C-alpha atoms as a PDB file:
ATOM      1  CA  UNK A   1       9.218  -2.001 -18.811  1.00  0.00           C
ATOM      2  CA  UNK A   2       6.638  -3.582 -16.537  1.00  0.00           C
ATOM      3  CA  UNK A   3       7.627  -6.805 -14.826  1.00  0.00           C
ATOM      4  CA  UNK A   4       5.322  -9.569 -13.708  1.00  0.00           C
ATOM      5  CA  UNK A   5       6.049 -10.176 -10.042  1.00  0.00           C
ATOM      6  CA  UNK A   6       3.227 -12.615  -9.289  1.00  0.00           C
ATOM      7  CA  UNK A   7       5.517 -15.237  -7.772  1.00  0.00           C
ATOM      8  CA  UNK A   8       7.389 -12.724  -5.607  1.00  0.00           C
ATOM      9  CA  UNK A   9       4.211 -11.033  -4.366  1.00  0.00           C
ATOM     10  CA  UNK A  10       2.433 -14.308  -3.615  1.00  0.00           C
ATOM     11  CA  UNK A  11       5.452 -15.736  -1.813  1.00  0.00           C
ATOM     12  CA  UNK A  12       5.880 -12.503   0.135  1.00  0.00           C
ATOM     13  CA  UNK A  13       2.287 -12.651   1.388  1.00  0.00           C
ATOM     14  CA  UNK A  14       2.753 -16.177   2.721  1.00  0.00           C
ATOM     15  CA  UNK A  15       6.237 -15.657   4.157  1.00  0.00           C
ATOM     16  CA  UNK A  16       5.315 -12.325   5.795  1.00  0.00           C
ATOM     17  CA  UNK A  17       2.336 -13.973   7.467  1.00  0.00           C
ATOM     18  CA  UNK A  18       4.537 -16.801   8.765  1.00  0.00           C
ATOM     19  CA  UNK A  19       7.166 -14.339  10.058  1.00  0.00           C
ATOM     20  CA  UNK A  20       4.479 -12.281  11.798  1.00  0.00           C
ATOM     21  CA  UNK A  21       3.004 -15.369  13.460  1.00  0.00           C
ATOM     22  CA  UNK A  22       6.496 -16.404  14.555  1.00  0.00           C
ATOM     23  CA  UNK A  23       7.042 -12.926  16.029  1.00  0.00           C
ATOM     24  CA  UNK A  24       3.911 -13.400  18.148  1.00  0.00           C
ATOM     25  CA  UNK A  25       5.166 -16.818  19.256  1.00  0.00           C
ATOM     26  CA  UNK A  26       8.579 -15.379  20.155  1.00  0.00           C
ATOM     27  CA  UNK A  27       6.851 -12.562  22.049  1.00  0.00           C
ATOM     28  CA  UNK A  28       4.865 -14.951  24.249  1.00  0.00           C
ATOM     29  CA  UNK A  29       7.666 -17.506  24.617  1.00  0.00           C
ATOM     30  CA  UNK A  30      10.117 -14.808  25.705  1.00  0.00           C
ATOM     31  CA  UNK A  31       9.123 -14.912  29.342  1.00  0.00           C
ATOM     32  CA  UNK A  32      10.414 -18.462  29.794  1.00  0.00           C
ATOM     33  CA  UNK A  33      12.838 -18.835  26.860  1.00  0.00           C
ATOM     34  CA  UNK A  34      14.974 -16.447  24.761  1.00  0.00           C
ATOM     35  CA  UNK A  35      12.868 -13.932  22.927  1.00  0.00           C
ATOM     36  CA  UNK A  36      10.377 -11.379  24.169  1.00  0.00           C
ATOM     37  CA  UNK A  37       9.228  -7.946  23.091  1.00  0.00           C
ATOM     38  CA  UNK A  38      12.427  -6.764  21.458  1.00  0.00           C
ATOM     39  CA  UNK A  39      13.087  -9.796  19.265  1.00  0.00           C
ATOM     40  CA  UNK A  40       9.386 -10.225  18.506  1.00  0.00           C
ATOM     41  CA  UNK A  41       9.164  -6.575  17.455  1.00  0.00           C
ATOM     42  CA  UNK A  42      12.159  -6.948  15.153  1.00  0.00           C
ATOM     43  CA  UNK A  43      10.572 -10.004  13.542  1.00  0.00           C
ATOM     44  CA  UNK A  44       7.262  -8.180  13.036  1.00  0.00           C
ATOM     45  CA  UNK A  45       9.131  -5.253  11.492  1.00  0.00           C
ATOM     46  CA  UNK A  46      10.987  -7.617   9.178  1.00  0.00           C
ATOM     47  CA  UNK A  47       7.640  -8.991   7.966  1.00  0.00           C
ATOM     48  CA  UNK A  48       6.541  -5.462   7.044  1.00  0.00           C
ATOM     49  CA  UNK A  49       9.922  -4.736   5.425  1.00  0.00           C
ATOM     50  CA  UNK A  50       9.498  -7.846   3.294  1.00  0.00           C
ATOM     51  CA  UNK A  51       6.142  -6.462   2.152  1.00  0.00           C
ATOM     52  CA  UNK A  52       7.853  -3.152   1.362  1.00  0.00           C
ATOM     53  CA  UNK A  53      10.393  -4.955  -0.811  1.00  0.00           C
ATOM     54  CA  UNK A  54       7.734  -6.752  -2.835  1.00  0.00           C
ATOM     55  CA  UNK A  55       5.283  -3.852  -3.044  1.00  0.00           C
ATOM     56  CA  UNK A  56       5.743  -0.099  -2.901  1.00  0.00           C
ATOM     57  CA  UNK A  57       5.406   2.152   0.132  1.00  0.00           C
ATOM     58  CA  UNK A  58       1.969   3.496  -0.846  1.00  0.00           C
ATOM     59  CA  UNK A  59       0.516  -0.007  -1.204  1.00  0.00           C
ATOM     60  CA  UNK A  60       1.850  -1.125   2.171  1.00  0.00           C
ATOM     61  CA  UNK A  61       0.544   2.066   3.818  1.00  0.00           C
ATOM     62  CA  UNK A  62      -2.862   1.311   2.323  1.00  0.00           C
ATOM     63  CA  UNK A  63      -2.726  -2.310   3.556  1.00  0.00           C
ATOM     64  CA  UNK A  64      -1.414  -1.371   7.027  1.00  0.00           C
ATOM     65  CA  UNK A  65      -2.809   2.091   7.893  1.00  0.00           C
ATOM     66  CA  UNK A  66      -0.822   2.319  11.120  1.00  0.00           C
ATOM     67  CA  UNK A  67       0.706   5.522  12.419  1.00  0.00           C
ATOM     68  CA  UNK A  68       3.990   4.095  13.699  1.00  0.00           C
ATOM     69  CA  UNK A  69       4.842   7.240  15.673  1.00  0.00           C
ATOM     70  CA  UNK A  70       1.627   6.836  17.700  1.00  0.00           C
ATOM     71  CA  UNK A  71       2.380   3.120  18.091  1.00  0.00           C
ATOM     72  CA  UNK A  72       5.772   4.070  19.552  1.00  0.00           C
ATOM     73  CA  UNK A  73       4.135   6.513  21.980  1.00  0.00           C
ATOM     74  CA  UNK A  74       1.603   3.896  23.114  1.00  0.00           C
ATOM     75  CA  UNK A  75       4.419   1.413  23.673  1.00  0.00           C
ATOM     76  CA  UNK A  76       6.477   3.860  25.740  1.00  0.00           C
ATOM     77  CA  UNK A  77       3.486   4.794  27.897  1.00  0.00           C
ATOM     78  CA  UNK A  78       2.523   1.136  28.390  1.00  0.00           C
ATOM     79  CA  UNK A  79       6.062   0.194  29.415  1.00  0.00           C
ATOM     80  CA  UNK A  80       6.464   3.106  31.818  1.00  0.00           C
ATOM     81  CA  UNK A  81       3.048   2.580  33.426  1.00  0.00           C
ATOM     82  CA  UNK A  82       3.672  -1.155  33.823  1.00  0.00           C
ATOM     83  CA  UNK A  83       7.109  -0.574  35.329  1.00  0.00           C
ATOM     84  CA  UNK A  84       5.637   2.020  37.719  1.00  0.00           C
ATOM     85  CA  UNK A  85       2.906  -0.227  39.166  1.00  0.00           C
ATOM     86  CA  UNK A  86       5.209  -1.295  41.985  1.00  0.00           C
ATOM     87  CA  UNK A  87       5.633   2.296  43.188  1.00  0.00           C
ATOM     88  CA  UNK A  88       1.895   2.565  43.894  1.00  0.00           C
ATOM     89  CA  UNK A  89       1.933  -0.519  46.177  1.00  0.00           C
ATOM     90  CA  UNK A  90       5.122   0.372  48.093  1.00  0.00           C
ATOM     91  CA  UNK A  91       7.427  -1.852  46.046  1.00  0.00           C
ATOM     92  CA  UNK A  92      10.498  -0.851  44.013  1.00  0.00           C
ATOM     93  CA  UNK A  93      10.237   0.455  40.467  1.00  0.00           C
ATOM     94  CA  UNK A  94      10.152  -2.409  37.924  1.00  0.00           C
ATOM     95  CA  UNK A  95       8.636  -4.878  40.390  1.00  0.00           C
ATOM     96  CA  UNK A  96       6.465  -7.228  38.369  1.00  0.00           C
ATOM     97  CA  UNK A  97       3.533  -9.175  39.703  1.00  0.00           C
ATOM     98  CA  UNK A  98       2.018 -12.488  38.664  1.00  0.00           C
ATOM     99  CA  UNK A  99      -0.702 -14.885  39.677  1.00  0.00           C
ATOM    100  CA  UNK A 100      -2.291 -18.078  38.402  1.00  0.00           C
ATOM    101  CA  UNK A 101      -5.767 -17.847  36.908  1.00  0.00           C
ATOM    102  CA  UNK A 102      -8.157 -20.260  35.266  1.00  0.00           C
ATOM    103  CA  UNK A 103      -9.076 -19.066  31.788  1.00  0.00           C
ATOM    104  CA  UNK A 104     -11.712 -21.097  29.924  1.00  0.00           C
ATOM    105  CA  UNK A 105      -9.727 -21.489  26.709  1.00  0.00           C
ATOM    106  CA  UNK A 106      -6.241 -21.772  28.224  1.00  0.00           C
ATOM    107  CA  UNK A 107      -7.090 -23.587  31.496  1.00  0.00           C
ATOM    108  CA  UNK A 108      -4.641 -22.839  34.332  1.00  0.00           C
ATOM    109  CA  UNK A 109      -2.587 -19.851  33.191  1.00  0.00           C
ATOM    110  CA  UNK A 110      -0.002 -17.660  34.867  1.00  0.00           C
ATOM    111  CA  UNK A 111      -0.494 -13.969  34.035  1.00  0.00           C
ATOM    112  CA  UNK A 112       2.407 -11.519  34.502  1.00  0.00           C
ATOM    113  CA  UNK A 113       2.715  -7.762  34.371  1.00  0.00           C
ATOM    114  CA  UNK A 114       6.042  -8.422  32.627  1.00  0.00           C
ATOM    115  CA  UNK A 115       4.003  -9.427  29.576  1.00  0.00           C
ATOM    116  CA  UNK A 116       2.458  -5.944  29.467  1.00  0.00           C
ATOM    117  CA  UNK A 117       5.915  -4.424  29.727  1.00  0.00           C
ATOM    118  CA  UNK A 118       7.116  -6.643  26.867  1.00  0.00           C
ATOM    119  CA  UNK A 119       4.065  -5.610  24.819  1.00  0.00           C
ATOM    120  CA  UNK A 120       5.143  -1.989  25.244  1.00  0.00           C
ATOM    121  CA  UNK A 121       8.668  -2.885  24.111  1.00  0.00           C
ATOM    122  CA  UNK A 122       7.172  -4.811  21.161  1.00  0.00           C
ATOM    123  CA  UNK A 123       5.197  -1.724  20.086  1.00  0.00           C
ATOM    124  CA  UNK A 124       8.185   0.608  20.535  1.00  0.00           C
ATOM    125  CA  UNK A 125      10.504  -1.585  18.460  1.00  0.00           C
ATOM    126  CA  UNK A 126       7.962  -1.928  15.638  1.00  0.00           C
ATOM    127  CA  UNK A 127       7.139   1.781  15.717  1.00  0.00           C
ATOM    128  CA  UNK A 128      10.723   3.041  15.739  1.00  0.00           C
ATOM    129  CA  UNK A 129      11.970   0.537  13.170  1.00  0.00           C
ATOM    130  CA  UNK A 130       9.146   1.187  10.742  1.00  0.00           C
ATOM    131  CA  UNK A 131       9.343   4.969  11.205  1.00  0.00           C
ATOM    132  CA  UNK A 132      13.033   4.870  10.311  1.00  0.00           C
ATOM    133  CA  UNK A 133      12.473   2.608   7.313  1.00  0.00           C
ATOM    134  CA  UNK A 134       9.535   4.635   6.011  1.00  0.00           C
ATOM    135  CA  UNK A 135      11.456   7.889   6.437  1.00  0.00           C
ATOM    136  CA  UNK A 136      14.391   6.506   4.478  1.00  0.00           C
ATOM    137  CA  UNK A 137      12.097   4.996   1.843  1.00  0.00           C
ATOM    138  CA  UNK A 138      10.031   8.121   1.160  1.00  0.00           C
ATOM    139  CA  UNK A 139      11.176  10.208  -1.742  1.00  0.00           C
ATOM    140  CA  UNK A 140       9.442  13.535  -2.250  1.00  0.00           C
END
């Protein structure tokens, strides 16, 4: 029996988009408020999981052709390199740097190396979570 899941699929598209946007907000807000790369990555993964619940694994892989194992590797390398920057300038490991810059769209902005570290954590959390979920969900 074939079911008509138009309402579920349409709602899932909208809600997944909202969750993903919120994960980006939480990622950027995490430097000054609770949140950051870990929580943002979990939210982004939950948006993809919601898509997996409404659609099947093959459809989501076609929509998001991301190799999550490579995404995990990129995140680990980014986090380790960012944490190691201090070693190359005679500072302790995990020393983060920041400065204020003027960016045309954002005006006066403070840029931090901690944001790059959090981006690596964000990628690792998405990659590991989605690899686990896809491995469990595959049935050969």
